[in-house]
Amino acid sequence: MNRKDVILEQFLLSHNKNGWFVSFQSAAAGLTDEKAVWEGEKSENSFWKSSVIWFFGMNVI
């Protein structure tokens, strides 16, 4: 099992089940488009930007 397989397996296990991390489903519950693109005053990424970075990063590993 390579690094990408391990990360993907952990993502699939935590998609809708809260455990060590909050599940993606719980984190995104009630998330509107406006909230998803909101960024803080400093260099904080929005929920949308973090998701895109994670998704494309997974495809590079």
Protein backbone atom coordinates (compact mmCIF):
# COMPACT_ATOMS: atom_id res chain seq x y z
CA MET A 1 0.00 0.00 0.00
CA ASN A 2 1.53 3.31 -1.05
CA ARG A 3 1.18 6.73 0.56
CA LYS A 4 -1.69 7.82 -1.68
CA ASP A 5 -3.65 4.63 -0.90
CA VAL A 6 -3.25 5.17 2.84
CA ILE A 7 -4.41 8.79 2.65
CA LEU A 8 -7.34 7.89 0.40
CA GLU A 9 -8.37 5.06 2.73
CA GLN A 10 -8.32 7.42 5.71
CA PHE A 11 -10.36 9.99 3.79
CA LEU A 12 -12.97 7.40 2.84
CA LEU A 13 -13.17 6.17 6.44
CA SER A 14 -13.66 9.70 7.75
CA HIS A 15 -16.06 10.98 5.07
CA ASN A 16 -19.20 10.47 7.14
CA LYS A 17 -17.93 9.10 10.46
CA ASN A 18 -16.64 11.32 13.26
CA GLY A 19 -13.59 9.95 14.97
CA TRP A 20 -10.10 11.38 15.51
CA PHE A 21 -11.08 14.06 12.97
CA VAL A 22 -14.44 15.66 12.31
CA SER A 23 -15.97 13.99 9.27
CA PHE A 24 -16.14 15.92 6.01
CA GLN A 25 -19.91 15.47 6.02
CA SER A 26 -20.19 17.09 9.48
CA ALA A 27 -17.75 19.88 8.61
CA ALA A 28 -19.65 20.76 5.43
CA ALA A 29 -23.16 20.49 6.91
CA GLY A 30 -24.98 23.76 6.38
CA LEU A 31 -22.08 25.25 4.45
CA THR A 32 -23.29 27.84 1.97
CA ASP A 33 -21.39 29.06 -1.09
CA GLU A 34 -20.78 32.36 0.68
CA LYS A 35 -19.31 30.66 3.75
CA ALA A 36 -17.24 28.24 1.65
CA VAL A 37 -15.33 31.04 -0.10
CA TRP A 38 -14.88 33.25 2.98
CA GLU A 39 -11.27 33.94 3.94
CA GLY A 40 -9.99 35.56 7.10
CA GLU A 41 -8.09 38.83 7.24
CA LYS A 42 -4.65 37.23 7.20
CA SER A 43 -3.40 34.36 5.06
CA GLU A 44 -6.14 31.92 6.03
CA ASN A 45 -7.51 29.73 3.25
CA SER A 46 -11.23 29.38 2.68
CA PHE A 47 -12.92 26.01 3.06
CA TRP A 48 -13.21 25.89 -0.74
CA LYS A 49 -9.55 26.70 -1.35
CA SER A 50 -8.39 24.15 1.25
CA SER A 51 -10.57 21.48 -0.39
CA VAL A 52 -9.19 22.25 -3.85
CA ILE A 53 -5.59 22.20 -2.56
CA TRP A 54 -6.23 18.84 -0.87
CA PHE A 55 -7.92 17.33 -3.92
CA PHE A 56 -5.24 18.38 -6.41
CA GLY A 57 -2.50 17.50 -3.95
CA MET A 58 -3.90 13.96 -3.74
CA ASN A 59 -3.68 13.67 -7.51
CA VAL A 60 0.01 14.62 -7.46
CA ILE A 61 1.13 12.20 -4.72
